Amino acid sequence: MSTITMLPAIETPSMVLREIEPRDASTFGNFMTQETYQRHIAMQLASEQDVYSFVTRAVARQGDDRRNVFHLAAEEKVSVEAIGDGFLIMQHPKTVEIGWGLHPAMWRMGLGTEIGHALLGLAFERLHAGSVWCKVMGGNVASAKLARRIGLRHLKTHPNYPASPDRRCQVDFYAMDESDYFNLAY
C-alpha cells in the first residue's frame, strides 16, 4: 500500500516525533499501562510485557514498503525520553487516520497539540493524504478540544462504536481535508 519505509523525524518546539525504537518500551510502559492513560484509548495494554510486545511489533514493521501503519514516539527534548506517542494509519486511497497519546503527568502543557500538528504535517506532507480523520472516545474532553484546536471538524458521533473486541462506547469522529490543511494559518 505504501512506498514509504520510514517517516522522517519531526521536530516541534518541545519534542521530536520519530519512529518507535526498542528503547521506548521502558518509558512507554511507565505511562501506557496507567488507568488514566488507558481510559480513553481503544488499544489497551495491560502490562509492561504487552507494551514491550507492541513496540517489538511496531519496530519489526519498519522498513517494509507495504506497511500502512506508522507508530511514533514523542521524545521530549529536555529529558530525551518518550513522553507520548502517535500513529498514522493509511487507509482508503489518500485517507489517513491519526491518533495520539501523552503521559498523564504531561497533560495540560500543550504537548498533545504539538503531537497533533506534527501528525497532520506527516499525513498531508509526507504520506500525501487527501483527508485525515481521528476518533475520540466519549468523555475524552481534552482530545476533543485538541482535535478542534489543530483544525479538525466534528463529523459525527457514533453512540455504540466497537472500540475494541470487548468494548463498545460512544465515539466522536473528526476530519480535515488537504485544502483545509494547506489553508491553515501558520
N, C-alpha and C. Protein backbone atom coordinates (compact mmCIF):
# COMPACT_ATOMS: atom_id res chain seq x y z
N MET A 1 0.83 -1.19 0.00
CA MET A 1 0.00 0.00 0.00
C MET A 1 0.87 1.25 0.00
N SER A 2 1.90 1.26 0.82
CA SER A 2 2.78 2.43 0.94
C SER A 2 4.08 2.15 0.21
N THR A 3 4.75 3.19 -0.18
CA THR A 3 6.11 3.03 -0.69
C THR A 3 7.09 3.73 0.24
N ILE A 4 6.60 4.19 1.36
CA ILE A 4 7.44 4.84 2.37
C ILE A 4 7.83 3.79 3.39
N THR A 5 9.12 3.62 3.60
CA THR A 5 9.56 2.61 4.56
C THR A 5 9.78 3.20 5.95
N MET A 6 10.16 4.47 6.02
CA MET A 6 10.38 5.14 7.31
C MET A 6 9.92 6.58 7.18
N LEU A 7 9.30 7.08 8.23
CA LEU A 7 8.93 8.50 8.25
C LEU A 7 10.09 9.29 8.85
N PRO A 8 10.30 10.51 8.38
CA PRO A 8 11.37 11.31 8.96
C PRO A 8 10.98 11.79 10.36
N ALA A 9 11.96 12.05 11.18
CA ALA A 9 11.71 12.65 12.49
C ALA A 9 11.23 14.08 12.28
N ILE A 10 10.27 14.50 13.09
CA ILE A 10 9.71 15.84 13.01
C ILE A 10 9.98 16.54 14.34
N GLU A 11 10.56 17.71 14.27
CA GLU A 11 10.86 18.47 15.48
C GLU A 11 9.77 19.50 15.74
N THR A 12 9.30 19.54 16.99
CA THR A 12 8.35 20.56 17.44
C THR A 12 9.08 21.42 18.47
N PRO A 13 8.47 22.46 19.00
CA PRO A 13 9.18 23.26 20.00
C PRO A 13 9.70 22.47 21.20
N SER A 14 8.95 21.44 21.64
CA SER A 14 9.33 20.71 22.85
C SER A 14 9.78 19.27 22.62
N MET A 15 9.49 18.73 21.44
CA MET A 15 9.68 17.31 21.22
C MET A 15 10.26 17.01 19.84
N VAL A 16 10.65 15.75 19.70
CA VAL A 16 10.97 15.17 18.40
C VAL A 16 10.04 13.97 18.25
N LEU A 17 9.24 13.97 17.18
CA LEU A 17 8.43 12.81 16.87
C LEU A 17 9.21 11.97 15.88
N ARG A 18 9.39 10.70 16.23
CA ARG A 18 10.22 9.80 15.43
C ARG A 18 9.61 8.41 15.49
N GLU A 19 10.03 7.57 14.57
CA GLU A 19 9.57 6.19 14.59
C GLU A 19 9.97 5.55 15.93
N ILE A 20 9.12 4.66 16.42
CA ILE A 20 9.38 3.95 17.68
C ILE A 20 10.67 3.15 17.57
N GLU A 21 11.40 3.11 18.68
CA GLU A 21 12.64 2.34 18.78
C GLU A 21 12.52 1.36 19.95
N PRO A 22 13.30 0.29 19.97
CA PRO A 22 13.20 -0.68 21.07
C PRO A 22 13.35 -0.04 22.45
N ARG A 23 14.19 0.98 22.57
CA ARG A 23 14.41 1.63 23.87
C ARG A 23 13.16 2.30 24.42
N ASP A 24 12.13 2.52 23.58
CA ASP A 24 10.91 3.18 24.02
C ASP A 24 10.01 2.29 24.88
N ALA A 25 10.23 0.98 24.83
CA ALA A 25 9.36 0.06 25.57
C ALA A 25 9.32 0.41 27.06
N SER A 26 10.45 0.72 27.64
CA SER A 26 10.51 1.02 29.07
C SER A 26 9.75 2.29 29.42
N THR A 27 10.02 3.37 28.69
CA THR A 27 9.33 4.63 29.02
C THR A 27 7.86 4.57 28.65
N PHE A 28 7.50 3.88 27.55
CA PHE A 28 6.09 3.70 27.21
C PHE A 28 5.38 2.94 28.34
N GLY A 29 6.07 1.91 28.87
CA GLY A 29 5.48 1.12 29.95
C GLY A 29 5.16 1.95 31.17
N ASN A 30 5.93 3.02 31.38
CA ASN A 30 5.68 3.90 32.53
C ASN A 30 4.35 4.62 32.47
N PHE A 31 3.82 4.86 31.26
CA PHE A 31 2.55 5.59 31.19
C PHE A 31 1.44 4.86 30.45
N MET A 32 1.77 4.00 29.50
CA MET A 32 0.72 3.34 28.72
C MET A 32 -0.11 2.35 29.52
N THR A 33 0.42 1.87 30.63
CA THR A 33 -0.32 0.93 31.47
C THR A 33 -1.13 1.63 32.56
N GLN A 34 -0.99 2.94 32.67
CA GLN A 34 -1.76 3.69 33.68
C GLN A 34 -3.23 3.76 33.30
N GLU A 35 -4.10 3.60 34.28
CA GLU A 35 -5.54 3.65 34.02
C GLU A 35 -5.95 4.98 33.43
N THR A 36 -5.35 6.07 33.90
CA THR A 36 -5.72 7.39 33.36
C THR A 36 -5.37 7.52 31.89
N TYR A 37 -4.29 6.87 31.44
CA TYR A 37 -3.92 6.87 30.03
C TYR A 37 -4.87 5.98 29.23
N GLN A 38 -5.15 4.80 29.75
CA GLN A 38 -5.95 3.81 29.04
C GLN A 38 -7.44 4.14 28.96
N ARG A 39 -7.90 4.99 29.81
CA ARG A 39 -9.34 5.28 29.91
C ARG A 39 -9.97 5.64 28.57
N HIS A 40 -9.26 6.38 27.74
CA HIS A 40 -9.85 6.89 26.51
C HIS A 40 -9.17 6.40 25.23
N ILE A 41 -8.56 5.23 25.27
CA ILE A 41 -7.93 4.70 24.05
C ILE A 41 -8.51 3.32 23.73
N ALA A 42 -8.46 2.96 22.46
CA ALA A 42 -9.01 1.68 22.04
C ALA A 42 -8.04 0.53 22.31
N MET A 43 -6.75 0.73 21.99
CA MET A 43 -5.76 -0.33 22.16
C MET A 43 -5.21 -0.27 23.58
N GLN A 44 -5.74 -1.10 24.46
CA GLN A 44 -5.32 -1.06 25.85
C GLN A 44 -4.26 -2.11 26.10
N LEU A 45 -3.17 -1.67 26.69
CA LEU A 45 -2.05 -2.54 27.01
C LEU A 45 -2.03 -2.74 28.53
N ALA A 46 -2.27 -3.97 28.96
CA ALA A 46 -2.49 -4.23 30.39
C ALA A 46 -1.21 -4.35 31.21
N SER A 47 -0.09 -4.63 30.55
CA SER A 47 1.14 -4.87 31.31
C SER A 47 2.34 -4.31 30.55
N GLU A 48 3.46 -4.26 31.26
CA GLU A 48 4.69 -3.83 30.59
C GLU A 48 5.08 -4.82 29.49
N GLN A 49 4.76 -6.10 29.66
CA GLN A 49 5.03 -7.10 28.62
C GLN A 49 4.19 -6.80 27.38
N ASP A 50 2.94 -6.39 27.56
CA ASP A 50 2.10 -6.00 26.42
C ASP A 50 2.71 -4.81 25.68
N VAL A 51 3.23 -3.85 26.43
CA VAL A 51 3.87 -2.68 25.82
C VAL A 51 5.12 -3.11 25.06
N TYR A 52 5.93 -3.97 25.67
CA TYR A 52 7.14 -4.46 25.00
C TYR A 52 6.78 -5.18 23.70
N SER A 53 5.74 -6.00 23.72
CA SER A 53 5.31 -6.72 22.52
C SER A 53 4.82 -5.75 21.44
N PHE A 54 4.07 -4.72 21.85
CA PHE A 54 3.60 -3.69 20.92
C PHE A 54 4.79 -2.99 20.25
N VAL A 55 5.77 -2.58 21.04
CA VAL A 55 6.95 -1.88 20.50
C VAL A 55 7.72 -2.82 19.57
N THR A 56 7.89 -4.07 19.96
CA THR A 56 8.61 -5.04 19.14
C THR A 56 7.92 -5.22 17.78
N ARG A 57 6.59 -5.33 17.78
CA ARG A 57 5.85 -5.46 16.51
C ARG A 57 5.99 -4.21 15.65
N ALA A 58 5.89 -3.03 16.27
CA ALA A 58 6.00 -1.76 15.52
C ALA A 58 7.38 -1.63 14.88
N VAL A 59 8.42 -1.96 15.62
CA VAL A 59 9.78 -1.87 15.10
C VAL A 59 9.99 -2.89 13.98
N ALA A 60 9.43 -4.08 14.13
CA ALA A 60 9.60 -5.13 13.11
C ALA A 60 8.99 -4.73 11.77
N ARG A 61 7.94 -3.91 11.79
CA ARG A 61 7.29 -3.48 10.54
C ARG A 61 8.05 -2.37 9.83
N GLN A 62 8.94 -1.70 10.52
CA GLN A 62 9.68 -0.60 9.90
C GLN A 62 10.55 -1.15 8.77
N GLY A 63 10.65 -0.38 7.71
CA GLY A 63 11.44 -0.80 6.57
C GLY A 63 10.65 -1.60 5.55
N ASP A 64 9.43 -2.00 5.89
CA ASP A 64 8.58 -2.74 4.95
C ASP A 64 7.80 -1.74 4.10
N ASP A 65 8.07 -1.72 2.80
CA ASP A 65 7.42 -0.72 1.95
C ASP A 65 5.94 -1.02 1.71
N ARG A 66 5.43 -2.11 2.27
CA ARG A 66 4.00 -2.42 2.16
C ARG A 66 3.22 -2.01 3.40
N ARG A 67 3.90 -1.56 4.42
CA ARG A 67 3.18 -1.26 5.66
C ARG A 67 2.29 -0.05 5.49
N ASN A 68 1.22 -0.02 6.26
CA ASN A 68 0.29 1.10 6.23
C ASN A 68 0.11 1.72 7.62
N VAL A 69 0.84 1.23 8.61
CA VAL A 69 0.73 1.74 9.98
C VAL A 69 2.10 2.26 10.41
N PHE A 70 2.10 3.47 10.92
CA PHE A 70 3.33 4.11 11.41
C PHE A 70 3.10 4.51 12.86
N HIS A 71 3.88 3.93 13.78
CA HIS A 71 3.81 4.30 15.19
C HIS A 71 5.01 5.17 15.53
N LEU A 72 4.73 6.26 16.22
CA LEU A 72 5.76 7.24 16.55
C LEU A 72 5.90 7.44 18.05
N ALA A 73 7.11 7.77 18.46
CA ALA A 73 7.37 8.17 19.84
C ALA A 73 7.52 9.68 19.85
N ALA A 74 6.94 10.31 20.86
CA ALA A 74 7.11 11.75 21.08
C ALA A 74 8.16 11.89 22.18
N GLU A 75 9.37 12.22 21.76
CA GLU A 75 10.51 12.29 22.67
C GLU A 75 10.72 13.73 23.13
N GLU A 76 10.68 13.93 24.42
CA GLU A 76 10.91 15.27 24.98
C GLU A 76 12.37 15.65 24.76
N LYS A 77 12.59 16.87 24.30
CA LYS A 77 13.96 17.32 24.02
C LYS A 77 14.81 17.41 25.29
N VAL A 78 14.21 17.84 26.39
CA VAL A 78 14.98 18.04 27.62
C VAL A 78 15.43 16.72 28.22
N SER A 79 14.50 15.80 28.43
CA SER A 79 14.82 14.52 29.08
C SER A 79 15.29 13.45 28.10
N VAL A 80 15.03 13.65 26.82
CA VAL A 80 15.33 12.69 25.76
C VAL A 80 14.61 11.35 26.04
N GLU A 81 13.42 11.43 26.62
CA GLU A 81 12.60 10.26 26.89
C GLU A 81 11.29 10.39 26.14
N ALA A 82 10.72 9.24 25.77
CA ALA A 82 9.41 9.23 25.12
C ALA A 82 8.34 9.56 26.17
N ILE A 83 7.63 10.65 25.93
CA ILE A 83 6.58 11.07 26.86
C ILE A 83 5.19 10.96 26.22
N GLY A 84 5.17 10.54 24.98
CA GLY A 84 3.90 10.38 24.28
C GLY A 84 4.10 9.55 23.03
N ASP A 85 3.01 9.38 22.32
CA ASP A 85 3.06 8.58 21.12
C ASP A 85 2.04 9.09 20.12
N GLY A 86 2.17 8.62 18.91
CA GLY A 86 1.21 8.94 17.87
C GLY A 86 1.21 7.84 16.84
N PHE A 87 0.16 7.81 16.05
CA PHE A 87 0.12 6.83 14.97
C PHE A 87 -0.54 7.44 13.74
N LEU A 88 -0.19 6.88 12.60
CA LEU A 88 -0.83 7.20 11.33
C LEU A 88 -1.15 5.88 10.66
N ILE A 89 -2.39 5.72 10.22
CA ILE A 89 -2.82 4.51 9.53
C ILE A 89 -3.34 4.92 8.16
N MET A 90 -2.63 4.47 7.14
CA MET A 90 -3.06 4.76 5.76
C MET A 90 -4.20 3.81 5.42
N GLN A 91 -5.32 4.38 5.01
CA GLN A 91 -6.49 3.57 4.70
C GLN A 91 -6.84 3.70 3.23
N HIS A 92 -8.09 3.86 2.92
CA HIS A 92 -8.50 4.00 1.53
C HIS A 92 -7.54 4.97 0.84
N PRO A 93 -7.47 4.92 -0.46
CA PRO A 93 -6.53 5.81 -1.13
C PRO A 93 -6.63 7.25 -0.62
N LYS A 94 -5.47 7.71 -0.14
CA LYS A 94 -5.31 9.10 0.29
C LYS A 94 -6.08 9.46 1.56
N THR A 95 -6.45 8.46 2.39
CA THR A 95 -7.10 8.71 3.68
C THR A 95 -6.20 8.19 4.78
N VAL A 96 -5.96 9.01 5.81
CA VAL A 96 -5.08 8.62 6.91
C VAL A 96 -5.79 8.87 8.23
N GLU A 97 -5.81 7.86 9.09
CA GLU A 97 -6.30 8.02 10.46
C GLU A 97 -5.11 8.39 11.32
N ILE A 98 -5.30 9.36 12.22
CA ILE A 98 -4.25 9.72 13.18
C ILE A 98 -4.77 9.52 14.60
N GLY A 99 -3.84 9.39 15.51
CA GLY A 99 -4.18 9.29 16.93
C GLY A 99 -2.97 9.64 17.76
N TRP A 100 -3.20 10.02 19.00
CA TRP A 100 -2.12 10.48 19.86
C TRP A 100 -2.37 10.07 21.30
N GLY A 101 -1.31 10.04 22.06
CA GLY A 101 -1.39 9.78 23.49
C GLY A 101 -0.25 10.52 24.17
N LEU A 102 -0.43 10.79 25.45
CA LEU A 102 0.57 11.55 26.19
C LEU A 102 0.62 11.07 27.63
N HIS A 103 1.81 10.99 28.18
CA HIS A 103 1.98 10.63 29.59
C HIS A 103 1.07 11.55 30.42
N PRO A 104 0.23 10.98 31.31
CA PRO A 104 -0.69 11.81 32.10
C PRO A 104 0.00 12.94 32.89
N ALA A 105 1.25 12.75 33.30
CA ALA A 105 1.97 13.80 34.02
C ALA A 105 2.25 15.01 33.13
N MET A 106 2.12 14.84 31.81
CA MET A 106 2.42 15.92 30.86
C MET A 106 1.15 16.57 30.29
N TRP A 107 0.00 16.16 30.77
CA TRP A 107 -1.26 16.74 30.28
C TRP A 107 -1.32 18.22 30.63
N ARG A 108 -2.08 18.95 29.87
CA ARG A 108 -2.37 20.38 30.05
C ARG A 108 -1.13 21.27 29.91
N MET A 109 -0.18 20.82 29.07
CA MET A 109 1.04 21.60 28.85
C MET A 109 1.19 22.00 27.38
N GLY A 110 0.21 21.64 26.55
CA GLY A 110 0.27 21.96 25.13
C GLY A 110 1.03 20.94 24.29
N LEU A 111 1.52 19.88 24.93
CA LEU A 111 2.32 18.89 24.21
C LEU A 111 1.47 18.03 23.27
N GLY A 112 0.24 17.73 23.67
CA GLY A 112 -0.66 16.99 22.79
C GLY A 112 -0.93 17.75 21.51
N THR A 113 -1.06 19.06 21.62
CA THR A 113 -1.28 19.90 20.44
C THR A 113 -0.07 19.83 19.51
N GLU A 114 1.13 19.84 20.08
CA GLU A 114 2.34 19.70 19.26
C GLU A 114 2.34 18.36 18.53
N ILE A 115 1.97 17.30 19.22
CA ILE A 115 1.91 15.98 18.58
C ILE A 115 0.87 16.00 17.46
N GLY A 116 -0.31 16.55 17.74
CA GLY A 116 -1.37 16.61 16.74
C GLY A 116 -0.96 17.36 15.49
N HIS A 117 -0.35 18.52 15.65
CA HIS A 117 0.13 19.29 14.49
C HIS A 117 1.18 18.51 13.69
N ALA A 118 2.08 17.84 14.39
CA ALA A 118 3.12 17.07 13.70
C ALA A 118 2.50 15.90 12.92
N LEU A 119 1.50 15.25 13.50
CA LEU A 119 0.84 14.15 12.80
C LEU A 119 0.13 14.63 11.55
N LEU A 120 -0.51 15.79 11.63
CA LEU A 120 -1.16 16.36 10.44
C LEU A 120 -0.12 16.63 9.35
N GLY A 121 1.01 17.22 9.75
CA GLY A 121 2.07 17.51 8.79
C GLY A 121 2.58 16.24 8.11
N LEU A 122 2.81 15.20 8.89
CA LEU A 122 3.27 13.94 8.32
C LEU A 122 2.22 13.35 7.37
N ALA A 123 0.97 13.38 7.79
CA ALA A 123 -0.10 12.79 6.97
C ALA A 123 -0.24 13.50 5.63
N PHE A 124 -0.31 14.83 5.68
CA PHE A 124 -0.54 15.58 4.44
C PHE A 124 0.72 15.79 3.61
N GLU A 125 1.84 16.05 4.27
CA GLU A 125 3.04 16.42 3.53
C GLU A 125 3.96 15.25 3.19
N ARG A 126 3.93 14.18 3.97
CA ARG A 126 4.80 13.03 3.69
C ARG A 126 4.02 11.85 3.10
N LEU A 127 2.80 11.61 3.62
CA LEU A 127 2.00 10.49 3.13
C LEU A 127 1.03 10.93 2.04
N HIS A 128 0.99 12.24 1.76
CA HIS A 128 0.16 12.82 0.69
C HIS A 128 -1.31 12.48 0.85
N ALA A 129 -1.82 12.57 2.08
CA ALA A 129 -3.23 12.31 2.35
C ALA A 129 -4.11 13.34 1.67
N GLY A 130 -5.25 12.91 1.22
CA GLY A 130 -6.28 13.83 0.73
C GLY A 130 -7.20 14.22 1.87
N SER A 131 -7.31 13.33 2.87
CA SER A 131 -8.08 13.63 4.07
C SER A 131 -7.48 12.88 5.26
N VAL A 132 -7.68 13.46 6.43
CA VAL A 132 -7.20 12.89 7.69
C VAL A 132 -8.36 12.88 8.66
N TRP A 133 -8.45 11.83 9.45
CA TRP A 133 -9.52 11.76 10.44
C TRP A 133 -8.99 11.13 11.72
N CYS A 134 -9.75 11.33 12.79
CA CYS A 134 -9.42 10.68 14.06
C CYS A 134 -10.72 10.34 14.77
N LYS A 135 -10.60 9.45 15.72
CA LYS A 135 -11.75 9.15 16.58
C LYS A 135 -11.38 9.50 18.01
N VAL A 136 -12.36 10.04 18.72
CA VAL A 136 -12.17 10.43 20.11
C VAL A 136 -13.22 9.70 20.94
N MET A 137 -12.78 8.94 21.92
CA MET A 137 -13.69 8.19 22.78
C MET A 137 -14.56 9.14 23.59
N GLY A 138 -15.80 8.75 23.79
CA GLY A 138 -16.74 9.56 24.56
C GLY A 138 -16.16 9.91 25.93
N GLY A 139 -16.35 11.12 26.35
CA GLY A 139 -15.85 11.58 27.64
C GLY A 139 -14.44 12.12 27.60
N ASN A 140 -13.74 11.98 26.50
CA ASN A 140 -12.37 12.47 26.41
C ASN A 140 -12.41 13.93 25.92
N VAL A 141 -12.78 14.80 26.82
CA VAL A 141 -12.95 16.21 26.51
C VAL A 141 -11.65 16.83 26.01
N ALA A 142 -10.53 16.46 26.61
CA ALA A 142 -9.24 17.05 26.23
C ALA A 142 -8.89 16.71 24.77
N SER A 143 -9.08 15.46 24.35
CA SER A 143 -8.77 15.11 22.96
C SER A 143 -9.75 15.72 21.98
N ALA A 144 -11.01 15.88 22.39
CA ALA A 144 -11.98 16.55 21.52
C ALA A 144 -11.56 18.01 21.30
N LYS A 145 -11.13 18.66 22.36
CA LYS A 145 -10.66 20.05 22.23
C LYS A 145 -9.39 20.10 21.38
N LEU A 146 -8.50 19.13 21.58
CA LEU A 146 -7.27 19.09 20.81
C LEU A 146 -7.58 18.91 19.32
N ALA A 147 -8.49 18.01 19.00
CA ALA A 147 -8.85 17.79 17.59
C ALA A 147 -9.32 19.10 16.95
N ARG A 148 -10.17 19.83 17.66
CA ARG A 148 -10.65 21.11 17.13
C ARG A 148 -9.51 22.13 17.06
N ARG A 149 -8.65 22.14 18.06
CA ARG A 149 -7.55 23.11 18.12
C ARG A 149 -6.60 22.96 16.93
N ILE A 150 -6.39 21.74 16.47
CA ILE A 150 -5.49 21.55 15.34
C ILE A 150 -6.22 21.67 13.99
N GLY A 151 -7.51 21.96 14.03
CA GLY A 151 -8.24 22.25 12.80
C GLY A 151 -9.19 21.18 12.31
N LEU A 152 -9.31 20.07 13.03
CA LEU A 152 -10.24 19.03 12.61
C LEU A 152 -11.67 19.44 12.94
N ARG A 153 -12.60 19.07 12.07
CA ARG A 153 -14.02 19.38 12.27
C ARG A 153 -14.76 18.12 12.74
N HIS A 154 -15.70 18.32 13.64
CA HIS A 154 -16.53 17.19 14.11
C HIS A 154 -17.43 16.74 12.97
N LEU A 155 -17.41 15.45 12.67
CA LEU A 155 -18.24 14.90 11.61
C LEU A 155 -19.51 14.26 12.14
N LYS A 156 -19.32 13.36 13.12
CA LYS A 156 -20.48 12.64 13.65
C LYS A 156 -20.11 11.97 14.97
N THR A 157 -21.15 11.54 15.66
CA THR A 157 -21.00 10.78 16.90
C THR A 157 -21.64 9.42 16.69
N HIS A 158 -20.91 8.38 17.02
CA HIS A 158 -21.44 7.02 16.97
C HIS A 158 -21.69 6.60 18.42
N PRO A 159 -22.94 6.33 18.81
CA PRO A 159 -23.24 6.07 20.22
C PRO A 159 -22.77 4.72 20.74
N ASN A 160 -22.51 3.74 19.87
CA ASN A 160 -22.19 2.39 20.33
C ASN A 160 -21.11 1.77 19.43
N TYR A 161 -19.99 2.45 19.33
CA TYR A 161 -18.92 2.06 18.41
C TYR A 161 -18.11 0.91 19.00
N PRO A 162 -17.75 -0.11 18.19
CA PRO A 162 -16.89 -1.20 18.70
C PRO A 162 -15.43 -0.74 18.78
N ALA A 163 -15.05 -0.15 19.89
CA ALA A 163 -13.71 0.41 20.06
C ALA A 163 -12.63 -0.66 20.12
N SER A 164 -12.97 -1.82 20.61
CA SER A 164 -12.08 -2.97 20.66
C SER A 164 -12.97 -4.21 20.70
N PRO A 165 -12.40 -5.40 20.59
CA PRO A 165 -13.25 -6.60 20.55
C PRO A 165 -14.20 -6.74 21.75
N ASP A 166 -13.80 -6.25 22.89
CA ASP A 166 -14.65 -6.41 24.08
C ASP A 166 -15.14 -5.08 24.66
N ARG A 167 -15.14 -4.04 23.85
CA ARG A 167 -15.53 -2.73 24.37
C ARG A 167 -16.28 -1.91 23.33
N ARG A 168 -17.47 -1.45 23.71
CA ARG A 168 -18.27 -0.57 22.87
C ARG A 168 -18.50 0.72 23.66
N CYS A 169 -18.42 1.85 22.96
CA CYS A 169 -18.60 3.13 23.64
C CYS A 169 -18.96 4.20 22.61
N GLN A 170 -19.32 5.35 23.13
CA GLN A 170 -19.57 6.49 22.24
C GLN A 170 -18.23 6.96 21.68
N VAL A 171 -18.22 7.26 20.37
CA VAL A 171 -17.01 7.75 19.71
C VAL A 171 -17.40 8.92 18.82
N ASP A 172 -16.60 9.99 18.89
CA ASP A 172 -16.78 11.14 18.02
C ASP A 172 -15.72 11.09 16.93
N PHE A 173 -16.12 11.41 15.70
CA PHE A 173 -15.22 11.40 14.57
C PHE A 173 -14.96 12.84 14.11
N TYR A 174 -13.69 13.13 13.84
CA TYR A 174 -13.24 14.45 13.39
C TYR A 174 -12.44 14.26 12.11
N ALA A 175 -12.46 15.27 11.23
CA ALA A 175 -11.72 15.13 9.98
C ALA A 175 -11.31 16.49 9.42
N MET A 176 -10.40 16.42 8.44
CA MET A 176 -9.91 17.59 7.72
C MET A 176 -9.48 17.11 6.34
N ASP A 177 -9.69 17.93 5.32
CA ASP A 177 -9.18 17.56 4.00
C ASP A 177 -7.94 18.41 3.69
N GLU A 178 -7.26 18.02 2.63
CA GLU A 178 -5.98 18.66 2.34
C GLU A 178 -6.11 20.14 2.04
N SER A 179 -7.20 20.58 1.44
CA SER A 179 -7.34 22.02 1.16
C SER A 179 -7.47 22.80 2.47
N ASP A 180 -8.17 22.24 3.46
CA ASP A 180 -8.24 22.89 4.77
C ASP A 180 -6.86 22.96 5.42
N TYR A 181 -6.10 21.86 5.32
CA TYR A 181 -4.78 21.83 5.92
C TYR A 181 -3.87 22.89 5.31
N PHE A 182 -3.82 22.94 4.00
CA PHE A 182 -2.90 23.86 3.34
C PHE A 182 -3.37 25.32 3.41
N ASN A 183 -4.58 25.54 3.92
CA ASN A 183 -5.06 26.90 4.15
C ASN A 183 -5.00 27.31 5.63
N LEU A 184 -4.47 26.45 6.50
CA LEU A 184 -4.34 26.79 7.92
C LEU A 184 -3.38 27.96 8.10
N ALA A 185 -3.65 28.76 9.10
CA ALA A 185 -2.73 29.85 9.44
C ALA A 185 -1.47 29.25 10.07
N TYR A 186 -0.35 29.94 9.91
CA TYR A 186 0.90 29.47 10.49
C TYR A 186 0.98 29.81 11.94
